[in-house]
Structures are given as C-alpha cells and as structure tokens.
N, C-alpha and C. Protein backbone atom coordinates (compact mmCIF):
# COMPACT_ATOMS: atom_id res chain seq x y z
N UNK A 1 0.82 -1.18 0.00
CA UNK A 1 0.00 0.00 0.00
C UNK A 1 0.88 1.27 0.00
N UNK A 2 1.94 1.23 0.81
CA UNK A 2 2.87 2.36 0.88
C UNK A 2 4.23 1.91 0.34
N UNK A 3 4.81 2.74 -0.49
CA UNK A 3 6.16 2.49 -0.99
C UNK A 3 7.14 3.13 0.01
N UNK A 4 7.59 2.33 0.97
CA UNK A 4 8.44 2.86 2.04
C UNK A 4 9.81 3.30 1.54
N UNK A 5 10.26 2.74 0.42
CA UNK A 5 11.52 3.20 -0.17
C UNK A 5 11.38 4.66 -0.62
N UNK A 6 10.23 4.99 -1.20
CA UNK A 6 9.96 6.37 -1.63
C UNK A 6 9.90 7.30 -0.43
N UNK A 7 9.28 6.84 0.65
CA UNK A 7 9.20 7.64 1.87
C UNK A 7 10.61 7.92 2.40
N UNK A 8 11.44 6.89 2.47
CA UNK A 8 12.82 7.06 2.95
C UNK A 8 13.61 8.00 2.04
N UNK A 9 13.40 7.87 0.74
CA UNK A 9 14.09 8.73 -0.22
C UNK A 9 13.69 10.19 0.00
N UNK A 10 12.41 10.43 0.19
CA UNK A 10 11.94 11.80 0.43
C UNK A 10 12.51 12.35 1.73
N UNK A 11 12.50 11.53 2.77
CA UNK A 11 13.04 11.96 4.07
C UNK A 11 14.52 12.32 3.92
N UNK A 12 15.27 11.52 3.16
CA UNK A 12 16.68 11.80 2.94
C UNK A 12 16.89 13.09 2.15
N UNK A 13 16.01 13.32 1.17
CA UNK A 13 16.14 14.51 0.32
C UNK A 13 15.87 15.80 1.08
N UNK A 14 14.82 15.79 1.91
CA UNK A 14 14.44 17.04 2.58
C UNK A 14 14.97 17.16 3.99
N UNK A 15 15.44 16.05 4.54
CA UNK A 15 15.97 16.05 5.90
C UNK A 15 14.90 15.67 6.91
N UNK A 16 15.33 14.96 7.91
CA UNK A 16 14.40 14.45 8.92
C UNK A 16 13.69 15.59 9.65
N UNK A 17 14.38 16.72 9.85
CA UNK A 17 13.77 17.81 10.59
C UNK A 17 12.60 18.47 9.85
N UNK A 18 12.61 18.47 8.52
CA UNK A 18 11.54 19.07 7.73
C UNK A 18 10.51 18.05 7.26
N UNK A 19 10.81 16.78 7.41
CA UNK A 19 9.94 15.73 6.91
C UNK A 19 8.54 15.80 7.54
N UNK A 20 8.46 16.00 8.83
CA UNK A 20 7.16 16.07 9.51
C UNK A 20 6.29 17.17 8.97
N UNK A 21 6.89 18.31 8.68
CA UNK A 21 6.13 19.43 8.12
C UNK A 21 5.61 19.10 6.73
N UNK A 22 6.43 18.46 5.92
CA UNK A 22 6.02 18.06 4.58
C UNK A 22 4.85 17.08 4.65
N UNK A 23 4.94 16.12 5.55
CA UNK A 23 3.87 15.14 5.73
C UNK A 23 2.58 15.85 6.15
N UNK A 24 2.69 16.76 7.08
CA UNK A 24 1.51 17.50 7.56
C UNK A 24 0.85 18.27 6.42
N UNK A 25 1.64 18.97 5.63
CA UNK A 25 1.10 19.73 4.49
C UNK A 25 0.45 18.80 3.49
N UNK A 26 1.13 17.70 3.18
CA UNK A 26 0.58 16.71 2.24
C UNK A 26 -0.79 16.22 2.71
N UNK A 27 -0.87 15.81 3.95
CA UNK A 27 -2.12 15.25 4.47
C UNK A 27 -3.23 16.30 4.48
N UNK A 28 -2.92 17.53 4.83
CA UNK A 28 -3.92 18.60 4.81
C UNK A 28 -4.45 18.84 3.40
N UNK A 29 -3.53 18.93 2.43
CA UNK A 29 -3.94 19.20 1.05
C UNK A 29 -4.76 18.05 0.48
N UNK A 30 -4.34 16.83 0.75
CA UNK A 30 -5.06 15.68 0.21
C UNK A 30 -6.40 15.51 0.92
N UNK A 31 -6.45 15.74 2.22
CA UNK A 31 -7.74 15.67 2.93
C UNK A 31 -8.73 16.66 2.33
N UNK A 32 -8.28 17.88 2.03
CA UNK A 32 -9.15 18.89 1.41
C UNK A 32 -9.60 18.44 0.02
N UNK A 33 -8.68 17.92 -0.77
CA UNK A 33 -9.02 17.47 -2.12
C UNK A 33 -9.98 16.28 -2.07
N UNK A 34 -9.79 15.38 -1.12
CA UNK A 34 -10.69 14.22 -0.96
C UNK A 34 -12.09 14.70 -0.60
N UNK A 35 -12.18 15.71 0.27
CA UNK A 35 -13.48 16.23 0.68
C UNK A 35 -14.25 16.81 -0.50
N UNK A 36 -13.55 17.35 -1.48
CA UNK A 36 -14.19 17.96 -2.65
C UNK A 36 -14.27 17.01 -3.85
N UNK A 37 -13.73 15.82 -3.73
CA UNK A 37 -13.63 14.91 -4.87
C UNK A 37 -15.00 14.62 -5.49
N UNK A 38 -15.13 14.96 -6.74
CA UNK A 38 -16.34 14.67 -7.50
C UNK A 38 -17.50 15.61 -7.25
N UNK A 39 -17.32 16.60 -6.39
CA UNK A 39 -18.41 17.53 -6.10
C UNK A 39 -18.52 18.57 -7.21
N UNK A 40 -19.74 18.89 -7.59
CA UNK A 40 -19.93 19.96 -8.58
C UNK A 40 -19.38 21.28 -8.05
N UNK A 41 -18.74 22.02 -8.88
CA UNK A 41 -18.18 23.30 -8.49
C UNK A 41 -16.85 23.20 -7.76
N UNK A 42 -16.36 21.98 -7.57
CA UNK A 42 -15.07 21.81 -6.92
C UNK A 42 -13.97 22.31 -7.85
N UNK A 43 -12.78 22.41 -7.32
CA UNK A 43 -11.65 22.92 -8.09
C UNK A 43 -11.28 21.95 -9.21
N UNK A 44 -11.70 22.24 -10.42
CA UNK A 44 -11.39 21.41 -11.57
C UNK A 44 -12.37 20.27 -11.75
N UNK A 45 -12.29 19.64 -12.89
CA UNK A 45 -13.15 18.49 -13.15
C UNK A 45 -12.57 17.25 -12.49
N UNK A 46 -13.28 16.14 -12.59
CA UNK A 46 -12.86 14.92 -11.91
C UNK A 46 -11.48 14.47 -12.39
N UNK A 47 -11.22 14.56 -13.67
CA UNK A 47 -9.92 14.16 -14.20
C UNK A 47 -8.80 14.99 -13.56
N UNK A 48 -9.00 16.29 -13.46
CA UNK A 48 -8.01 17.18 -12.87
C UNK A 48 -7.82 16.89 -11.39
N UNK A 49 -8.91 16.66 -10.69
CA UNK A 49 -8.84 16.34 -9.26
C UNK A 49 -8.03 15.07 -9.03
N UNK A 50 -8.32 14.05 -9.81
CA UNK A 50 -7.62 12.78 -9.65
C UNK A 50 -6.16 12.89 -10.06
N UNK A 51 -5.87 13.73 -11.03
CA UNK A 51 -4.47 13.95 -11.44
C UNK A 51 -3.69 14.58 -10.28
N UNK A 52 -4.28 15.57 -9.62
CA UNK A 52 -3.64 16.20 -8.47
C UNK A 52 -3.39 15.17 -7.36
N UNK A 53 -4.42 14.38 -7.06
CA UNK A 53 -4.27 13.38 -6.00
C UNK A 53 -3.22 12.34 -6.34
N UNK A 54 -3.19 11.92 -7.60
CA UNK A 54 -2.20 10.94 -8.05
C UNK A 54 -0.79 11.45 -7.83
N UNK A 55 -0.54 12.67 -8.25
CA UNK A 55 0.79 13.26 -8.10
C UNK A 55 1.18 13.44 -6.65
N UNK A 56 0.25 13.90 -5.85
CA UNK A 56 0.51 14.06 -4.42
C UNK A 56 0.84 12.72 -3.78
N UNK A 57 0.07 11.72 -4.14
CA UNK A 57 0.27 10.38 -3.57
C UNK A 57 1.63 9.82 -3.95
N UNK A 58 2.03 10.00 -5.18
CA UNK A 58 3.33 9.49 -5.62
C UNK A 58 4.47 10.12 -4.85
N UNK A 59 4.34 11.41 -4.54
CA UNK A 59 5.40 12.12 -3.82
C UNK A 59 5.67 11.55 -2.44
N UNK A 60 4.63 11.00 -1.80
CA UNK A 60 4.81 10.50 -0.44
C UNK A 60 4.68 8.99 -0.35
N UNK A 61 4.72 8.31 -1.48
CA UNK A 61 4.79 6.85 -1.46
C UNK A 61 3.46 6.13 -1.31
N UNK A 62 2.35 6.82 -1.48
CA UNK A 62 1.04 6.18 -1.39
C UNK A 62 0.77 5.47 -2.73
N UNK A 63 1.42 4.34 -2.92
CA UNK A 63 1.45 3.66 -4.22
C UNK A 63 0.07 3.16 -4.67
N UNK A 64 -0.62 2.45 -3.82
CA UNK A 64 -1.92 1.90 -4.22
C UNK A 64 -2.93 3.02 -4.47
N UNK A 65 -2.95 4.01 -3.61
CA UNK A 65 -3.84 5.16 -3.78
C UNK A 65 -3.54 5.87 -5.10
N UNK A 66 -2.27 6.07 -5.39
CA UNK A 66 -1.88 6.71 -6.64
C UNK A 66 -2.36 5.91 -7.84
N UNK A 67 -2.22 4.60 -7.76
CA UNK A 67 -2.65 3.73 -8.85
C UNK A 67 -4.16 3.84 -9.09
N UNK A 68 -4.92 3.88 -8.03
CA UNK A 68 -6.38 4.00 -8.16
C UNK A 68 -6.76 5.37 -8.73
N UNK A 69 -6.04 6.40 -8.32
CA UNK A 69 -6.29 7.73 -8.87
C UNK A 69 -5.95 7.77 -10.36
N UNK A 70 -4.87 7.09 -10.75
CA UNK A 70 -4.48 7.03 -12.15
C UNK A 70 -5.58 6.36 -12.98
N UNK A 71 -6.08 5.25 -12.49
CA UNK A 71 -7.16 4.54 -13.21
C UNK A 71 -8.39 5.43 -13.34
N UNK A 72 -8.74 6.13 -12.27
CA UNK A 72 -9.89 7.03 -12.31
C UNK A 72 -9.65 8.21 -13.23
N UNK A 73 -8.44 8.74 -13.20
CA UNK A 73 -8.09 9.86 -14.07
C UNK A 73 -8.22 9.46 -15.54
N UNK A 74 -7.73 8.28 -15.86
CA UNK A 74 -7.82 7.79 -17.23
C UNK A 74 -9.27 7.61 -17.66
N UNK A 75 -10.07 6.99 -16.80
CA UNK A 75 -11.49 6.78 -17.11
C UNK A 75 -12.19 8.13 -17.30
N UNK A 76 -11.96 9.06 -16.39
CA UNK A 76 -12.59 10.38 -16.49
C UNK A 76 -12.16 11.09 -17.77
N UNK A 77 -10.89 10.97 -18.11
CA UNK A 77 -10.37 11.59 -19.33
C UNK A 77 -10.97 11.00 -20.59
N UNK A 78 -11.44 9.76 -20.49
CA UNK A 78 -12.09 9.09 -21.62
C UNK A 78 -13.61 9.24 -21.58
N UNK A 79 -14.10 10.16 -20.74
CA UNK A 79 -15.54 10.42 -20.66
C UNK A 79 -16.31 9.36 -19.90
N UNK A 80 -15.62 8.58 -19.08
CA UNK A 80 -16.27 7.48 -18.35
C UNK A 80 -16.30 7.78 -16.85
N UNK A 81 -16.69 9.01 -16.49
CA UNK A 81 -16.73 9.40 -15.09
C UNK A 81 -17.62 8.48 -14.27
N UNK A 82 -18.67 7.96 -14.88
CA UNK A 82 -19.60 7.08 -14.16
C UNK A 82 -18.95 5.75 -13.78
N UNK A 83 -17.82 5.43 -14.35
CA UNK A 83 -17.13 4.19 -14.02
C UNK A 83 -16.05 4.39 -12.95
N UNK A 84 -15.89 5.61 -12.47
CA UNK A 84 -14.90 5.90 -11.44
C UNK A 84 -15.57 5.69 -10.07
N UNK A 85 -15.02 4.76 -9.31
CA UNK A 85 -15.57 4.45 -7.98
C UNK A 85 -14.91 5.36 -6.96
N UNK A 86 -15.53 6.50 -6.71
CA UNK A 86 -14.97 7.48 -5.79
C UNK A 86 -14.87 6.94 -4.37
N UNK A 87 -15.84 6.16 -3.95
CA UNK A 87 -15.80 5.59 -2.60
C UNK A 87 -14.60 4.66 -2.43
N UNK A 88 -14.29 3.90 -3.45
CA UNK A 88 -13.13 3.01 -3.41
C UNK A 88 -11.84 3.82 -3.30
N UNK A 89 -11.76 4.90 -4.05
CA UNK A 89 -10.58 5.76 -4.01
C UNK A 89 -10.44 6.40 -2.63
N UNK A 90 -11.54 6.91 -2.10
CA UNK A 90 -11.53 7.53 -0.78
C UNK A 90 -11.14 6.52 0.30
N UNK A 91 -11.71 5.33 0.22
CA UNK A 91 -11.39 4.29 1.21
C UNK A 91 -9.92 3.89 1.12
N UNK A 92 -9.39 3.81 -0.07
CA UNK A 92 -7.98 3.47 -0.24
C UNK A 92 -7.10 4.56 0.39
N UNK A 93 -7.48 5.82 0.20
CA UNK A 93 -6.71 6.90 0.82
C UNK A 93 -6.76 6.79 2.34
N UNK A 94 -7.94 6.57 2.88
CA UNK A 94 -8.08 6.49 4.33
C UNK A 94 -7.26 5.33 4.90
N UNK A 95 -7.29 4.19 4.23
CA UNK A 95 -6.51 3.03 4.68
C UNK A 95 -5.01 3.32 4.58
N UNK A 96 -4.61 3.92 3.47
CA UNK A 96 -3.20 4.26 3.26
C UNK A 96 -2.73 5.26 4.31
N UNK A 97 -3.54 6.26 4.57
CA UNK A 97 -3.20 7.28 5.56
C UNK A 97 -3.05 6.65 6.95
N UNK A 98 -3.98 5.77 7.31
CA UNK A 98 -3.92 5.11 8.62
C UNK A 98 -2.65 4.27 8.75
N UNK A 99 -2.32 3.50 7.70
CA UNK A 99 -1.10 2.69 7.72
C UNK A 99 0.13 3.57 7.83
N UNK A 100 0.15 4.64 7.06
CA UNK A 100 1.28 5.56 7.03
C UNK A 100 1.51 6.19 8.40
N UNK A 101 0.46 6.74 8.99
CA UNK A 101 0.58 7.40 10.28
C UNK A 101 0.98 6.40 11.36
N UNK A 102 0.39 5.23 11.32
CA UNK A 102 0.72 4.19 12.30
C UNK A 102 2.20 3.81 12.23
N UNK A 103 2.69 3.61 11.02
CA UNK A 103 4.09 3.22 10.85
C UNK A 103 5.03 4.35 11.25
N UNK A 104 4.69 5.59 10.91
CA UNK A 104 5.54 6.72 11.29
C UNK A 104 5.56 6.88 12.80
N UNK A 105 4.42 6.71 13.43
CA UNK A 105 4.34 6.83 14.89
C UNK A 105 5.17 5.74 15.56
N UNK A 106 5.05 4.53 15.05
CA UNK A 106 5.82 3.41 15.60
C UNK A 106 7.32 3.64 15.40
N UNK A 107 7.70 4.17 14.24
CA UNK A 107 9.10 4.44 13.94
C UNK A 107 9.65 5.53 14.86
N UNK A 108 8.84 6.56 15.09
CA UNK A 108 9.28 7.67 15.94
C UNK A 108 9.45 7.22 17.39
N UNK A 109 8.64 6.25 17.82
CA UNK A 109 8.70 5.76 19.19
C UNK A 109 9.87 4.81 19.40
N UNK A 110 10.37 4.25 18.31
CA UNK A 110 11.47 3.26 18.42
C UNK A 110 12.80 3.90 18.69
C-alpha cells in the first residue's frame, strides 16, 4: 500500500527535521481534495482532481492510492466518469493514511 523506499528517499532529500512538516502539508492538502472529490463546483473536473491526488500520492509513497487515482483519471479523461468508484478511491486513501501514520508513529517511538 505504501512504498516505504519512496518515503525514505523523500526523508533523505528534505531532511528528517523538515519531513514532519512536509507530511503535515501533504495530508492537509489531500484531505481537502478528498473532501471535494467529485463535487460539482469543486476545483477542476474529476480528471483534474484525480491527477492532483495521483501526483501528491506518488510524492509521499502512497502507491496503491496513486494507482487508483491514475485509473480514475484515465477513465474520467475518456468520458467514463460514471465508471470511477470514488468511494473506493476515498477508502484506499483512508486506509493508506492510517497505515502511514501508524508506521511513522511506531518508527518515531522506536
């Protein structure tokens, strides 16, 4: 679900002291985007929303979530918005987020 190699790479690139802030910003931005996902009048169409989420997810190693966003983005781009399972995408994000936070908390306590 999480690409921990990508997480370690990001932590090495930005430094352990700034990593927590980056994670916090990522989670805030994605939580906001998830709340607006698929809503009329939201920032951009469904394809654009899923593209943003996919890119954000890739940056922090949320591999499965990114993959689901990619599939939804492709479907939406092909005019098949009705085939995009938003609940599945949202559930995948929530599960990924829970796993990520749990592992980071456990790592910080070790």
